[in-house]
Amino acid sequence: MNIRTRKLIGTIALLLIAIVWSLTAMAIAQAPVIADSKWLQVVYYVVAGLGWVLPAMPVVTWMSRPDPQ
């Protein structure tokens, strides 16, 4: 598979990861335990805001691999 195809597939995958992650994070944020505590909200939003990077890293690595010669 050439790099252009990998980048197209990877871009679509990254968009899906971002959409699913954000919708899931919003749903979890409505939990009464999180909604009642300001400190827990701060921690939750920091973790939820940065957490999508972990599943996205392998996709970006796969996308940027050079073409085989």
Protein backbone atom coordinates (compact mmCIF):
# COMPACT_ATOMS: atom_id res chain seq x y z
CA MET A 1 0.00 0.00 0.00
CA ASN A 2 1.46 3.36 -0.95
CA ILE A 3 1.78 6.31 1.40
CA ARG A 4 -1.08 8.29 -0.17
CA THR A 5 -3.53 5.47 0.45
CA ARG A 6 -2.27 5.00 4.02
CA LYS A 7 -2.69 8.72 4.68
CA LEU A 8 -6.24 8.69 3.34
CA ILE A 9 -7.21 5.67 5.46
CA GLY A 10 -5.35 7.07 8.46
CA THR A 11 -7.07 10.44 8.18
CA ILE A 12 -10.48 8.78 8.16
CA ALA A 13 -9.45 6.61 11.12
CA LEU A 14 -8.23 9.65 13.08
CA LEU A 15 -11.50 11.47 12.44
CA LEU A 16 -13.45 8.46 13.66
CA ILE A 17 -11.26 8.16 16.76
CA ALA A 18 -11.78 11.85 17.57
CA ILE A 19 -15.55 11.69 17.07
CA VAL A 20 -16.05 8.50 19.08
CA TRP A 21 -13.66 9.66 21.82
CA SER A 22 -15.36 13.05 22.22
CA LEU A 23 -18.88 11.64 22.26
CA THR A 24 -17.89 9.00 24.79
CA ALA A 25 -16.10 11.58 26.95
CA MET A 26 -19.16 13.84 26.92
CA ALA A 27 -21.41 10.96 27.95
CA ILE A 28 -19.12 9.94 30.82
CA ALA A 29 -18.79 13.58 31.95
CA GLN A 30 -22.51 13.59 32.75
CA ALA A 31 -22.05 10.99 35.49
CA PRO A 32 -23.18 12.41 38.85
CA VAL A 33 -19.84 11.58 40.51
CA ILE A 34 -17.95 13.76 38.02
CA ALA A 35 -20.61 16.46 37.73
CA ASP A 36 -20.70 17.07 41.50
CA SER A 37 -16.98 17.61 42.09
CA LYS A 38 -15.06 20.51 40.54
CA TRP A 39 -11.67 18.87 41.19
CA LEU A 40 -12.80 15.61 39.65
CA GLN A 41 -14.07 17.54 36.63
CA VAL A 42 -10.67 19.20 36.18
CA VAL A 43 -8.85 15.86 36.36
CA TYR A 44 -11.40 14.15 34.13
CA TYR A 45 -11.26 16.81 31.40
CA VAL A 46 -7.46 16.83 31.37
CA VAL A 47 -7.35 13.05 31.04
CA ALA A 48 -10.19 12.95 28.51
CA GLY A 49 -8.69 15.82 26.52
CA LEU A 50 -5.27 14.24 26.22
CA GLY A 51 -6.34 10.60 26.24
CA TRP A 52 -7.24 10.40 22.56
CA VAL A 53 -3.55 10.76 21.71
CA LEU A 54 -2.75 7.20 22.86
CA PRO A 55 -5.05 5.43 20.38
CA ALA A 56 -4.10 7.93 17.65
CA MET A 57 -0.33 7.43 17.92
CA PRO A 58 -0.22 4.00 16.21
CA VAL A 59 -2.40 5.32 13.39
CA VAL A 60 -0.08 8.29 12.80
CA THR A 61 2.98 6.03 12.95
CA TRP A 62 1.41 3.67 10.41
CA MET A 63 0.46 6.59 8.15
CA SER A 64 3.96 8.05 8.08
CA ARG A 65 5.82 4.85 7.25
CA PRO A 66 7.81 5.23 4.04
CA ASP A 67 6.82 3.29 0.95
CA PRO A 68 8.65 -0.01 0.48
CA GLN A 69 11.23 0.12 -2.28
